[in-house]
C-alpha atoms as a PDB file:
ATOM      1  CA  MET A   1      44.988 -30.334 -13.497  1.00  0.00           C
ATOM      2  CA  LEU A   2      41.977 -29.127 -15.642  1.00  0.00           C
ATOM      3  CA  LEU A   3      42.621 -25.901 -17.662  1.00  0.00           C
ATOM      4  CA  SER A   4      39.066 -24.830 -16.624  1.00  0.00           C
ATOM      5  CA  ASP A   5      40.323 -24.530 -12.984  1.00  0.00           C
ATOM      6  CA  ILE A   6      42.585 -21.675 -13.938  1.00  0.00           C
ATOM      7  CA  GLN A   7      40.573 -18.450 -13.294  1.00  0.00           C
ATOM      8  CA  PRO A   8      41.642 -14.766 -13.170  1.00  0.00           C
ATOM      9  CA  THR A   9      40.477 -13.123  -9.863  1.00  0.00           C
ATOM     10  CA  PRO A  10      38.017 -10.220 -10.518  1.00  0.00           C
ATOM     11  CA  ASN A  11      39.642  -6.799 -11.130  1.00  0.00           C
ATOM     12  CA  GLU A  12      43.125  -8.044 -10.042  1.00  0.00           C
ATOM     13  CA  PRO A  13      46.077  -9.256 -12.179  1.00  0.00           C
ATOM     14  CA  VAL A  14      46.079 -12.521 -10.250  1.00  0.00           C
ATOM     15  CA  LEU A  15      45.238 -16.081 -11.270  1.00  0.00           C
ATOM     16  CA  PHE A  16      43.641 -18.710  -8.975  1.00  0.00           C
ATOM     17  CA  ILE A  17      43.999 -22.422  -9.803  1.00  0.00           C
ATOM     18  CA  LYS A  18      41.007 -23.689  -7.915  1.00  0.00           C
ATOM     19  CA  ASN A  19      41.674 -27.447  -7.647  1.00  0.00           C
ATOM     20  CA  LYS A  20      45.182 -26.969  -6.467  1.00  0.00           C
ATOM     21  CA  LYS A  21      44.578 -23.818  -4.390  1.00  0.00           C
ATOM     22  CA  ILE A  22      47.378 -21.926  -6.123  1.00  0.00           C
ATOM     23  CA  LEU A  23      47.627 -18.148  -6.568  1.00  0.00           C
ATOM     24  CA  VAL A  24      49.723 -16.832  -9.374  1.00  0.00           C
ATOM     25  CA  PHE A  25      51.002 -13.236  -9.963  1.00  0.00           C
ATOM     26  CA  ALA A  26      53.914 -11.502 -11.541  1.00  0.00           C
ATOM     27  CA  ASP A  27      56.042  -8.418 -12.115  1.00  0.00           C
ATOM     28  CA  LEU A  28      55.994  -6.752  -8.738  1.00  0.00           C
ATOM     29  CA  HIS A  29      59.235  -4.751  -9.491  1.00  0.00           C
ATOM     30  CA  ILE A  30      59.852  -3.841  -5.913  1.00  0.00           C
ATOM     31  CA  GLY A  31      62.186  -0.805  -5.978  1.00  0.00           C
ATOM     32  CA  ILE A  32      61.029   0.807  -9.238  1.00  0.00           C
ATOM     33  CA  GLU A  33      60.292   4.027  -7.291  1.00  0.00           C
ATOM     34  CA  SER A  34      64.081   4.697  -7.044  1.00  0.00           C
ATOM     35  CA  GLU A  35      64.442   4.606 -10.848  1.00  0.00           C
ATOM     36  CA  LEU A  36      61.407   6.911 -11.215  1.00  0.00           C
ATOM     37  CA  ARG A  37      62.898   9.381  -8.704  1.00  0.00           C
ATOM     38  CA  ALA A  38      66.189   9.457 -10.615  1.00  0.00           C
ATOM     39  CA  LYS A  39      64.046  10.516 -13.675  1.00  0.00           C
ATOM     40  CA  GLY A  40      62.404  13.306 -11.603  1.00  0.00           C
ATOM     41  CA  LEU A  41      59.154  11.427 -10.920  1.00  0.00           C
ATOM     42  CA  SER A  42      58.072  11.391  -7.202  1.00  0.00           C
ATOM     43  CA  THR A  43      55.826   8.348  -6.448  1.00  0.00           C
ATOM     44  CA  PRO A  44      54.714   6.831  -3.146  1.00  0.00           C
ATOM     45  CA  PRO A  45      56.113   3.391  -2.210  1.00  0.00           C
ATOM     46  CA  GLN A  46      53.996   0.656  -3.890  1.00  0.00           C
ATOM     47  CA  THR A  47      55.108  -2.304  -1.826  1.00  0.00           C
ATOM     48  CA  PRO A  48      52.791  -1.735   1.216  1.00  0.00           C
ATOM     49  CA  ASP A  49      49.736  -1.343  -1.076  1.00  0.00           C
ATOM     50  CA  MET A  50      50.676  -4.435  -3.108  1.00  0.00           C
ATOM     51  CA  THR A  51      51.199  -6.438   0.057  1.00  0.00           C
ATOM     52  CA  ASN A  52      47.758  -5.405   1.445  1.00  0.00           C
ATOM     53  CA  ARG A  53      46.074  -6.227  -1.905  1.00  0.00           C
ATOM     54  CA  LEU A  54      47.596  -9.643  -1.843  1.00  0.00           C
ATOM     55  CA  LEU A  55      46.892 -10.316   1.739  1.00  0.00           C
ATOM     56  CA  GLU A  56      43.227  -9.710   1.037  1.00  0.00           C
ATOM     57  CA  LEU A  57      43.289 -12.240  -1.802  1.00  0.00           C
ATOM     58  CA  PHE A  58      45.183 -14.749   0.503  1.00  0.00           C
ATOM     59  CA  GLU A  59      42.523 -14.398   3.132  1.00  0.00           C
ATOM     60  CA  LYS A  60      39.739 -14.766   0.465  1.00  0.00           C
ATOM     61  CA  TYR A  61      41.198 -17.716  -1.550  1.00  0.00           C
ATOM     62  CA  LYS A  62      43.293 -19.366   1.218  1.00  0.00           C
ATOM     63  CA  PRO A  63      45.988 -20.731  -1.114  1.00  0.00           C
ATOM     64  CA  LYS A  64      48.199 -23.623  -0.315  1.00  0.00           C
ATOM     65  CA  GLU A  65      50.858 -22.406  -2.748  1.00  0.00           C
ATOM     66  CA  ILE A  66      51.926 -19.050  -4.190  1.00  0.00           C
ATOM     67  CA  ILE A  67      53.658 -18.715  -7.584  1.00  0.00           C
ATOM     68  CA  ILE A  68      55.471 -15.440  -8.501  1.00  0.00           C
ATOM     69  CA  LEU A  69      56.217 -15.409 -12.167  1.00  0.00           C
ATOM     70  CA  GLY A  70      59.335 -13.313 -11.907  1.00  0.00           C
ATOM     71  CA  ASP A  71      60.564  -9.739 -11.516  1.00  0.00           C
ATOM     72  CA  VAL A  72      60.049  -9.590  -7.794  1.00  0.00           C
ATOM     73  CA  LYS A  73      62.805  -6.902  -7.813  1.00  0.00           C
ATOM     74  CA  HIS A  74      63.396  -4.011 -10.210  1.00  0.00           C
ATOM     75  CA  ASN A  75      66.859  -2.560 -10.176  1.00  0.00           C
ATOM     76  CA  ILE A  76      69.572  -4.331 -12.170  1.00  0.00           C
ATOM     77  CA  PRO A  77      72.396  -5.214 -11.938  1.00  0.00           C
ATOM     78  CA  SER A  78      72.606  -3.922  -8.324  1.00  0.00           C
ATOM     79  CA  SER A  79      69.876  -3.287  -5.748  1.00  0.00           C
ATOM     80  CA  THR A  80      69.402  -0.484  -3.271  1.00  0.00           C
ATOM     81  CA  TYR A  81      69.377  -1.077   0.461  1.00  0.00           C
ATOM     82  CA  SER A  82      65.705  -0.207   0.706  1.00  0.00           C
ATOM     83  CA  GLU A  83      64.865  -2.490  -2.164  1.00  0.00           C
ATOM     84  CA  ARG A  84      66.622  -5.450  -0.573  1.00  0.00           C
ATOM     85  CA  ARG A  85      64.825  -4.655   2.770  1.00  0.00           C
ATOM     86  CA  ASP A  86      61.405  -4.413   1.084  1.00  0.00           C
ATOM     87  CA  ILE A  87      61.933  -7.588  -0.816  1.00  0.00           C
ATOM     88  CA  ASN A  88      62.796  -9.515   2.291  1.00  0.00           C
ATOM     89  CA  LYS A  89      59.969  -8.078   4.354  1.00  0.00           C
ATOM     90  CA  PHE A  90      57.478  -8.784   1.511  1.00  0.00           C
ATOM     91  CA  LEU A  91      58.581 -12.373   1.172  1.00  0.00           C
ATOM     92  CA  GLU A  92      58.707 -12.830   4.969  1.00  0.00           C
ATOM     93  CA  THR A  93      55.054 -11.695   5.009  1.00  0.00           C
ATOM     94  CA  ILE A  94      53.534 -13.782   2.302  1.00  0.00           C
ATOM     95  CA  LYS A  95      55.329 -17.035   3.131  1.00  0.00           C
ATOM     96  CA  ASN A  96      53.011 -17.276   6.052  1.00  0.00           C
ATOM     97  CA  TYR A  97      50.049 -17.785   3.704  1.00  0.00           C
ATOM     98  CA  GLY A  98      51.360 -20.706   1.590  1.00  0.00           C
ATOM     99  CA  LYS A  99      54.491 -22.269   0.117  1.00  0.00           C
ATOM    100  CA  VAL A 100      56.028 -19.570  -2.137  1.00  0.00           C
ATOM    101  CA  HIS A 101      57.688 -20.373  -5.407  1.00  0.00           C
ATOM    102  CA  VAL A 102      59.601 -17.772  -7.492  1.00  0.00           C
ATOM    103  CA  ILE A 103      60.470 -18.291 -11.157  1.00  0.00           C
ATOM    104  CA  PRO A 104      63.188 -15.657 -11.658  1.00  0.00           C
ATOM    105  CA  GLY A 105      62.734 -13.038 -14.231  1.00  0.00           C
ATOM    106  CA  ASN A 106      65.247 -10.820 -15.969  1.00  0.00           C
ATOM    107  CA  HIS A 107      65.301  -8.383 -13.104  1.00  0.00           C
ATOM    108  CA  ASP A 108      65.835 -11.021 -10.437  1.00  0.00           C
ATOM    109  CA  GLY A 109      69.552 -11.465 -10.334  1.00  0.00           C
ATOM    110  CA  ASN A 110      70.651 -12.513  -6.900  1.00  0.00           C
ATOM    111  CA  ILE A 111      67.059 -12.761  -5.616  1.00  0.00           C
ATOM    112  CA  LYS A 112      68.056 -15.665  -3.491  1.00  0.00           C
ATOM    113  CA  ASN A 113      70.289 -13.471  -1.483  1.00  0.00           C
ATOM    114  CA  PHE A 114      67.337 -11.401  -0.429  1.00  0.00           C
ATOM    115  CA  SER A 115      64.893 -14.217   0.122  1.00  0.00           C
ATOM    116  CA  PRO A 116      64.002 -16.046   3.315  1.00  0.00           C
ATOM    117  CA  ALA A 117      65.219 -19.709   3.296  1.00  0.00           C
ATOM    118  CA  GLU A 118      61.529 -21.036   2.973  1.00  0.00           C
ATOM    119  CA  ILE A 119      61.098 -19.430  -0.465  1.00  0.00           C
ATOM    120  CA  VAL A 120      61.691 -21.945  -3.287  1.00  0.00           C
ATOM    121  CA  ILE A 121      63.634 -20.351  -6.142  1.00  0.00           C
ATOM    122  CA  HIS A 122      63.250 -22.392  -9.413  1.00  0.00           C
ATOM    123  CA  PRO A 123      65.378 -22.310 -12.562  1.00  0.00           C
ATOM    124  CA  SER A 124      64.473 -19.477 -14.871  1.00  0.00           C
ATOM    125  CA  GLU A 125      63.675 -22.094 -17.562  1.00  0.00           C
ATOM    126  CA  GLY A 126      60.370 -22.608 -15.782  1.00  0.00           C
ATOM    127  CA  LEU A 127      58.286 -24.770 -13.379  1.00  0.00           C
ATOM    128  CA  LEU A 128      56.151 -27.616 -14.482  1.00  0.00           C
ATOM    129  CA  LEU A 129      53.132 -28.643 -12.305  1.00  0.00           C
ATOM    130  CA  GLU A 130      51.273 -31.612 -13.768  1.00  0.00           C
ATOM    131  CA  ASN A 131      50.252 -30.242 -17.180  1.00  0.00           C
ATOM    132  CA  ILE A 132      50.947 -26.553 -16.544  1.00  0.00           C
ATOM    133  CA  GLY A 133      54.123 -24.739 -17.279  1.00  0.00           C
ATOM    134  CA  PHE A 134      55.085 -21.557 -15.402  1.00  0.00           C
ATOM    135  CA  VAL A 135      57.725 -19.261 -16.882  1.00  0.00           C
ATOM    136  CA  HIS A 136      58.586 -15.548 -16.595  1.00  0.00           C
ATOM    137  CA  GLY A 137      59.040 -15.215 -20.383  1.00  0.00           C
ATOM    138  CA  HIS A 138      62.352 -13.483 -20.955  1.00  0.00           C
ATOM    139  CA  ARG A 139      64.144 -16.684 -22.128  1.00  0.00           C
ATOM    140  CA  TRP A 140      63.450 -19.879 -23.920  1.00  0.00           C
ATOM    141  CA  PRO A 141      61.571 -22.418 -21.672  1.00  0.00           C
ATOM    142  CA  SER A 142      62.820 -26.021 -21.175  1.00  0.00           C
ATOM    143  CA  GLU A 143      61.730 -28.758 -23.503  1.00  0.00           C
ATOM    144  CA  GLU A 144      59.765 -30.173 -20.569  1.00  0.00           C
ATOM    145  CA  ILE A 145      57.816 -26.941 -20.160  1.00  0.00           C
ATOM    146  CA  MET A 146      56.882 -26.874 -23.855  1.00  0.00           C
ATOM    147  CA  GLN A 147      55.265 -30.277 -23.564  1.00  0.00           C
ATOM    148  CA  ALA A 148      52.651 -28.889 -21.204  1.00  0.00           C
ATOM    149  CA  ASP A 149      49.074 -28.329 -22.115  1.00  0.00           C
ATOM    150  CA  GLN A 150      49.082 -24.774 -20.925  1.00  0.00           C
ATOM    151  CA  ILE A 151      51.856 -22.162 -20.260  1.00  0.00           C
ATOM    152  CA  ILE A 152      51.410 -19.235 -17.967  1.00  0.00           C
ATOM    153  CA  MET A 153      53.838 -16.444 -18.489  1.00  0.00           C
ATOM    154  CA  ALA A 154      54.460 -12.742 -17.677  1.00  0.00           C
ATOM    155  CA  HIS A 155      57.305 -10.318 -18.616  1.00  0.00           C
ATOM    156  CA  THR A 156      55.314  -8.442 -21.250  1.00  0.00           C
ATOM    157  CA  HIS A 157      53.175  -6.270 -18.805  1.00  0.00           C
ATOM    158  CA  PRO A 158      50.345  -6.713 -21.468  1.00  0.00           C
ATOM    159  CA  THR A 159      48.085  -3.753 -22.049  1.00  0.00           C
ATOM    160  CA  VAL A 160      45.650  -2.886 -24.767  1.00  0.00           C
ATOM    161  CA  MET A 161      45.707   0.490 -26.596  1.00  0.00           C
ATOM    162  CA  LEU A 162      42.351   2.081 -26.989  1.00  0.00           C
ATOM    163  CA  ILE A 163      41.518   5.073 -29.204  1.00  0.00           C
ATOM    164  CA  ASP A 164      38.371   7.145 -28.906  1.00  0.00           C
ATOM    165  CA  ARG A 165      36.755   9.098 -31.645  1.00  0.00           C
ATOM    166  CA  LEU A 166      38.898  12.098 -30.781  1.00  0.00           C
ATOM    167  CA  GLU A 167      42.070  10.045 -31.337  1.00  0.00           C
ATOM    168  CA  HIS A 168      42.812  10.079 -27.553  1.00  0.00           C
ATOM    169  CA  LYS A 169      44.866   6.964 -26.631  1.00  0.00           C
ATOM    170  CA  SER A 170      44.437   5.100 -23.313  1.00  0.00           C
ATOM    171  CA  PHE A 171      46.040   1.941 -22.213  1.00  0.00           C
ATOM    172  CA  GLU A 172      44.441  -0.764 -20.048  1.00  0.00           C
ATOM    173  CA  SER A 173      46.094  -3.709 -18.382  1.00  0.00           C
ATOM    174  CA  CYS A 174      44.820  -6.944 -19.872  1.00  0.00           C
ATOM    175  CA  TRP A 175      45.043 -10.761 -19.945  1.00  0.00           C
ATOM    176  CA  VAL A 176      46.135 -12.324 -23.223  1.00  0.00           C
ATOM    177  CA  LYS A 177      44.983 -15.783 -24.256  1.00  0.00           C
ATOM    178  CA  THR A 178      47.031 -17.012 -27.175  1.00  0.00           C
ATOM    179  CA  SER A 179      48.667 -19.850 -28.922  1.00  0.00           C
ATOM    180  CA  PHE A 180      51.743 -20.723 -31.009  1.00  0.00           C
ATOM    181  CA  ASP A 181      51.987 -20.825 -34.783  1.00  0.00           C
ATOM    182  CA  LYS A 182      52.197 -24.473 -35.445  1.00  0.00           C
ATOM    183  CA  SER A 183      55.039 -24.311 -38.065  1.00  0.00           C
ATOM    184  CA  LYS A 184      57.149 -22.085 -35.896  1.00  0.00           C
ATOM    185  CA  ILE A 185      56.689 -24.042 -32.647  1.00  0.00           C
ATOM    186  CA  ALA A 186      57.482 -27.279 -34.487  1.00  0.00           C
ATOM    187  CA  GLU A 187      60.726 -25.934 -35.728  1.00  0.00           C
ATOM    188  CA  LYS A 188      61.905 -24.717 -32.413  1.00  0.00           C
ATOM    189  CA  TYR A 189      60.381 -27.336 -30.215  1.00  0.00           C
ATOM    190  CA  PRO A 190      59.694 -30.602 -32.302  1.00  0.00           C
ATOM    191  CA  ASN A 191      58.305 -32.485 -29.325  1.00  0.00           C
ATOM    192  CA  SER A 192      56.021 -29.599 -28.150  1.00  0.00           C
ATOM    193  CA  SER A 193      52.439 -30.288 -27.509  1.00  0.00           C
ATOM    194  CA  ASN A 194      51.668 -26.826 -28.756  1.00  0.00           C
ATOM    195  CA  PRO A 195      50.316 -25.538 -25.528  1.00  0.00           C
ATOM    196  CA  GLN A 196      47.887 -22.806 -24.956  1.00  0.00           C
ATOM    197  CA  VAL A 197      49.405 -19.614 -23.518  1.00  0.00           C
ATOM    198  CA  LEU A 198      47.995 -17.154 -20.796  1.00  0.00           C
ATOM    199  CA  ILE A 199      49.910 -13.946 -20.278  1.00  0.00           C
ATOM    200  CA  VAL A 200      49.554 -12.428 -16.870  1.00  0.00           C
ATOM    201  CA  PRO A 201      49.389  -8.641 -16.391  1.00  0.00           C
ATOM    202  CA  ALA A 202      51.943  -6.733 -14.200  1.00  0.00           C
ATOM    203  CA  PHE A 203      50.902  -6.543 -10.557  1.00  0.00           C
ATOM    204  CA  ASN A 204      52.681  -3.290  -9.955  1.00  0.00           C
ATOM    205  CA  PRO A 205      50.705  -0.426 -11.509  1.00  0.00           C
ATOM    206  CA  LEU A 206      53.879   1.653 -12.038  1.00  0.00           C
ATOM    207  CA  CYS A 207      55.281  -0.750 -14.481  1.00  0.00           C
ATOM    208  CA  GLY A 208      53.620   0.513 -17.582  1.00  0.00           C
ATOM    209  CA  GLY A 209      53.131  -2.112 -20.300  1.00  0.00           C
ATOM    210  CA  ILE A 210      53.392  -3.283 -23.908  1.00  0.00           C
ATOM    211  CA  PRO A 211      50.231  -2.713 -26.016  1.00  0.00           C
ATOM    212  CA  ILE A 212      49.566  -6.035 -27.404  1.00  0.00           C
ATOM    213  CA  ASN A 213      47.494  -4.701 -30.327  1.00  0.00           C
ATOM    214  CA  LYS A 214      50.365  -2.474 -31.342  1.00  0.00           C
ATOM    215  CA  GLU A 215      53.683  -4.094 -30.429  1.00  0.00           C
ATOM    216  CA  GLY A 216      52.958  -7.811 -29.796  1.00  0.00           C
ATOM    217  CA  VAL A 217      54.614  -9.808 -27.023  1.00  0.00           C
ATOM    218  CA  MET A 218      58.047  -9.360 -25.614  1.00  0.00           C
ATOM    219  CA  GLY A 219      60.480 -12.153 -25.204  1.00  0.00           C
ATOM    220  CA  PRO A 220      61.523 -15.154 -27.380  1.00  0.00           C
ATOM    221  CA  LEU A 221      58.127 -16.963 -27.084  1.00  0.00           C
ATOM    222  CA  GLY A 222      56.555 -14.009 -28.745  1.00  0.00           C
ATOM    223  CA  LYS A 223      58.337 -14.845 -31.982  1.00  0.00           C
ATOM    224  CA  LEU A 224      56.510 -18.120 -32.045  1.00  0.00           C
ATOM    225  CA  MET A 225      52.975 -16.774 -31.278  1.00  0.00           C
ATOM    226  CA  ASP A 226      50.001 -16.273 -33.589  1.00  0.00           C
ATOM    227  CA  ILE A 227      49.495 -12.750 -32.220  1.00  0.00           C
ATOM    228  CA  ASP A 228      46.585 -11.782 -34.509  1.00  0.00           C
ATOM    229  CA  LYS A 229      44.381 -14.613 -33.111  1.00  0.00           C
ATOM    230  CA  SER A 230      45.179 -13.764 -29.490  1.00  0.00           C
ATOM    231  CA  GLU A 231      42.193 -12.910 -27.289  1.00  0.00           C
ATOM    232  CA  ILE A 232      42.282  -9.732 -25.094  1.00  0.00           C
ATOM    233  CA  TYR A 233      40.447  -9.636 -21.770  1.00  0.00           C
ATOM    234  CA  LEU A 234      40.363  -6.635 -19.408  1.00  0.00           C
ATOM    235  CA  LEU A 235      40.789  -7.139 -15.707  1.00  0.00           C
ATOM    236  CA  ASP A 236      37.046  -7.137 -15.088  1.00  0.00           C
ATOM    237  CA  GLY A 237      36.686 -10.028 -17.453  1.00  0.00           C
ATOM    238  CA  THR A 238      35.463  -8.175 -20.578  1.00  0.00           C
ATOM    239  CA  LEU A 239      36.495  -9.913 -23.752  1.00  0.00           C
ATOM    240  CA  LEU A 240      37.500  -7.240 -26.334  1.00  0.00           C
ATOM    241  CA  GLY A 241      38.060  -9.717 -29.106  1.00  0.00           C
ATOM    242  CA  ASN A 242      41.013 -10.783 -31.135  1.00  0.00           C
ATOM    243  CA  VAL A 243      44.197  -8.606 -31.662  1.00  0.00           C
ATOM    244  CA  LYS A 244      43.579  -8.627 -35.343  1.00  0.00           C
ATOM    245  CA  ASN A 245      40.221  -6.862 -34.864  1.00  0.00           C
ATOM    246  CA  ILE A 246      41.413  -4.169 -32.488  1.00  0.00           C
ATOM    247  CA  ARG A 247      44.671  -2.983 -34.012  1.00  0.00           C
END
C-alpha cells in the first residue's frame, strides 16, 4: 500500500485510501448531546447530519471497507437508551456501503453490545493493514503496529489556534502530519520502523478539540512525537506550516 494513496477528502475530516478503496474517519461521539444538555446547552441531534454527510461520501468514493478510528459513542461508563438506539441505527445504515471496522476508543466500552453482527470490532491496540497501522490513540499500540510505515490515529480532535491582530482567538479543525522523536521511539519500541503519523480530525463538530500549536497531542504516543516539526493542514488542504512557526 503506497503512502501516496492516502488522501484527505476535500473539506471533510475523512481519509480515502485509493488503491484499497477504504474510507477512514473518527470521533463521532454519538450521544454527546445528552452531556451538553446536562450542562444547559441545547443542541440539535448530530447523528442524522453525520450519517447524511457520510452517505454522500460513500456514494462518491464507493469504498469496499470503512474504518472508524474509535469513539463511535460518547457517554461513559453507561449509555443512554437513545445513544444505544442511534449507534445501532447508524452502524446498520453504513454497513450496507462496505465492510465496517471499528478500532475502539476510550469512549467505546461495550460497543460490541450495540453493534450489528457484521461490524468487525478490533482490539484497541490497533489494526494493521499491509504497511499501515490504524489506532484510536488513547493507549499504547501493539509492537506490530509500530513496525508499520504509517500510523493513522485520532483521539486528539486536532485543531489549530489562530490569533488575529486584535488578539481574537479562533480554532479550526486540522490534519496533523507528524513523526516521532527517534531517541524516544527507540526507547519505547526498539523494533519500531519509526513510522510517519497522520492525526485525523474529529467528525462530530460538537466535539471541540485540542489546539496542536498550544497543547500538543493527547494520548501516550504524543509523548514520543516531535511536535514542533509537525505540519498543520486545514480541512481545505491549506498548509499552515510547522507547529514551531505558528505557536
